[in-house]
Amino acid sequence: MTGVAAVAVLRALGGHGWTIAAAESLTGGRVTAALVDVPGASAHVRGGIVAYATDLKASVLGVDARLLASRGPVDADVAVAMAEGVRRVLGADVGLATTGVAGPDPQDGKPVGTVHVAVVTPDAARTIELALSGTRDEIRTETVRRVLGLALEVL
């Protein structure tokens, strides 16, 4: 399913002449992998950054440290800031971001399955909060599917 969505995202990017990059936390590179699994992805994919540790969201992606301190890494505004940051750092037109709690334990008072995904383009910024269930792997896989789906909606 993610392969079909990745193909559709890359086709939509081609229609705009845009490039894409992903900032990933809980997905650990799976979004970028789904995109680069598509033959010809190099025409649009700039790369990805796995900022799994909270401090990397600030130091690498430029997420405001005060935002991270006040709300924690699992937050809609953090997801948008991650997507904006990866656009800037990797020179992409479109930024995707994933942040959340895949388990096995809650994090910063957020239950397992709480996920925020974001898509930022030159024209728009969108984020959605997800309340997912399942195993750690299922939550991570569904997060990839949902961020690619959101990218399709925005594009």
Protein backbone atom coordinates (compact mmCIF):
# COMPACT_ATOMS: atom_id res chain seq x y z
CA MET A 1 0.00 0.00 0.00
CA THR A 2 2.78 2.46 0.82
CA GLY A 3 4.42 1.65 -2.51
CA VAL A 4 1.32 2.72 -4.43
CA ALA A 5 1.08 5.92 -2.37
CA ALA A 6 4.78 6.67 -2.88
CA VAL A 7 4.39 6.30 -6.65
CA ALA A 8 1.39 8.66 -6.58
CA VAL A 9 3.27 11.23 -4.47
CA LEU A 10 6.22 11.21 -6.87
CA ARG A 11 3.90 11.60 -9.86
CA ALA A 12 2.18 14.55 -8.17
CA LEU A 13 5.56 16.13 -7.43
CA GLY A 14 6.45 15.72 -11.11
CA GLY A 15 3.33 17.65 -12.05
CA HIS A 16 4.57 20.57 -9.98
CA GLY A 17 8.25 20.19 -10.82
CA TRP A 18 8.92 19.92 -7.06
CA THR A 19 11.33 17.99 -4.86
CA ILE A 20 10.63 16.35 -1.50
CA ALA A 21 12.43 15.56 1.75
CA ALA A 22 11.34 13.82 4.94
CA ALA A 23 12.04 14.54 8.62
CA GLU A 24 11.34 11.40 10.57
CA SER A 25 11.23 10.46 14.19
CA LEU A 26 9.17 7.36 15.05
CA THR A 27 9.29 6.09 11.44
CA GLY A 28 13.08 5.94 11.52
CA GLY A 29 13.62 6.37 7.78
CA ARG A 30 10.66 4.37 6.50
CA VAL A 31 9.07 7.35 4.73
CA THR A 32 12.26 8.10 2.83
CA ALA A 33 12.72 4.39 2.08
CA ALA A 34 9.18 4.13 0.69
CA LEU A 35 9.89 7.04 -1.64
CA VAL A 36 13.31 5.86 -2.83
CA ASP A 37 11.97 2.35 -3.43
CA VAL A 38 10.20 3.81 -6.48
CA PRO A 39 12.28 3.64 -9.68
CA GLY A 40 13.14 7.17 -10.81
CA ALA A 41 12.76 8.63 -7.31
CA SER A 42 16.03 10.50 -7.66
CA ALA A 43 14.28 13.02 -9.90
CA HIS A 44 12.30 14.28 -6.90
CA VAL A 45 13.65 12.92 -3.60
CA ARG A 46 16.28 15.14 -1.96
CA GLY A 47 16.73 12.93 1.09
CA GLY A 48 15.65 12.37 4.63
CA ILE A 49 16.73 13.14 8.16
CA VAL A 50 16.00 10.81 11.05
CA ALA A 51 15.87 13.08 14.09
CA TYR A 52 14.89 10.43 16.60
CA ALA A 53 16.35 12.21 19.62
CA THR A 54 14.50 15.35 20.72
CA ASP A 55 17.65 17.50 20.76
CA LEU A 56 18.27 16.73 17.08
CA LYS A 57 14.89 18.15 16.18
CA ALA A 58 16.25 21.49 17.43
CA SER A 59 19.92 21.29 16.43
CA VAL A 60 19.52 19.71 12.99
CA LEU A 61 16.01 20.68 11.88
CA GLY A 62 15.79 24.04 13.64
CA VAL A 63 12.68 23.29 15.70
CA ASP A 64 12.40 25.97 18.39
CA ALA A 65 13.88 24.55 21.60
CA ARG A 66 11.29 26.46 23.64
CA LEU A 67 8.49 24.75 21.72
CA LEU A 68 10.07 21.37 22.37
CA ALA A 69 10.54 22.18 26.05
CA SER A 70 6.98 23.41 26.54
CA ARG A 71 5.07 20.82 24.49
CA GLY A 72 7.46 17.94 23.93
CA PRO A 73 8.34 16.34 20.61
CA VAL A 74 4.91 14.78 20.00
CA ASP A 75 3.01 17.87 18.91
CA ALA A 76 1.38 19.26 15.76
CA ASP A 77 3.47 22.44 15.74
CA VAL A 78 6.64 20.40 16.19
CA ALA A 79 5.67 18.26 13.19
CA VAL A 80 5.16 21.37 11.04
CA ALA A 81 8.47 22.83 12.23
CA MET A 82 10.22 19.55 11.39
CA ALA A 83 8.75 19.60 7.87
CA GLU A 84 9.77 23.25 7.42
CA GLY A 85 13.22 22.46 8.75
CA VAL A 86 13.86 19.54 6.42
CA ARG A 87 12.74 21.67 3.46
CA ARG A 88 15.30 24.28 4.44
CA VAL A 89 18.17 21.94 5.35
CA LEU A 90 17.83 19.69 2.29
CA GLY A 91 16.67 22.34 -0.17
CA ALA A 92 13.38 20.67 -1.02
CA ASP A 93 10.08 22.18 -2.15
CA VAL A 94 8.01 19.80 -0.02
CA GLY A 95 8.76 18.63 3.51
CA LEU A 96 7.15 15.68 5.25
CA ALA A 97 7.42 15.00 8.97
CA THR A 98 6.49 12.25 11.39
CA THR A 99 6.63 12.42 15.18
CA GLY A 100 4.85 10.30 17.74
CA VAL A 101 4.80 7.43 20.18
CA ALA A 102 5.10 3.97 18.64
CA GLY A 103 5.53 2.19 21.96
CA PRO A 104 5.95 0.08 23.84
CA ASP A 105 5.56 2.76 26.54
CA PRO A 106 3.90 6.20 26.69
CA GLN A 107 6.18 9.21 26.24
CA ASP A 108 5.89 12.62 27.91
CA GLY A 109 2.35 11.82 29.02
CA LYS A 110 1.26 10.87 25.48
CA PRO A 111 -0.22 7.41 25.01
CA VAL A 112 1.16 4.87 22.58
CA GLY A 113 -0.31 5.52 19.14
CA THR A 114 -0.35 9.32 19.42
CA VAL A 115 1.20 10.53 16.17
CA HIS A 116 1.46 13.82 14.30
CA VAL A 117 2.29 13.99 10.61
CA ALA A 118 2.86 17.15 8.60
CA VAL A 119 3.30 18.23 5.01
CA VAL A 120 4.67 21.65 4.09
CA THR A 121 4.80 22.95 0.51
CA PRO A 122 5.54 26.40 -0.90
CA ASP A 123 1.76 26.98 -0.81
CA ALA A 124 0.46 25.17 2.27
CA ALA A 125 1.14 23.55 5.62
CA ARG A 126 -1.07 20.73 6.88
CA THR A 127 -0.87 18.49 9.87
CA ILE A 128 -3.03 15.76 11.30
CA GLU A 129 -3.08 14.05 14.66
CA LEU A 130 -3.55 10.31 14.65
CA ALA A 131 -4.64 7.98 17.43
CA LEU A 132 -3.34 4.67 16.14
CA SER A 133 -3.51 1.22 17.67
CA GLY A 134 -1.60 -1.96 17.13
CA THR A 135 1.94 -3.14 17.59
CA ARG A 136 4.94 -0.83 17.37
CA ASP A 137 5.54 -2.01 13.81
CA GLU A 138 1.88 -1.51 12.83
CA ILE A 139 1.87 2.03 14.22
CA ARG A 140 5.05 2.89 12.32
CA THR A 141 3.76 1.35 9.08
CA GLU A 142 0.41 3.15 9.36
CA THR A 143 2.22 6.43 10.04
CA VAL A 144 4.10 6.09 6.76
CA ARG A 145 0.87 5.37 4.93
CA ARG A 146 -0.88 8.35 6.50
CA VAL A 147 1.88 10.91 5.85
CA LEU A 148 2.06 9.83 2.20
CA GLY A 149 -1.75 10.07 2.02
CA LEU A 150 -1.65 13.57 3.47
CA ALA A 151 1.03 14.52 0.96
CA LEU A 152 -1.26 13.35 -1.86
CA GLU A 153 -4.12 15.44 -0.50
CA VAL A 154 -1.95 18.54 -0.25
CA LEU A 155 -0.31 18.06 -3.65
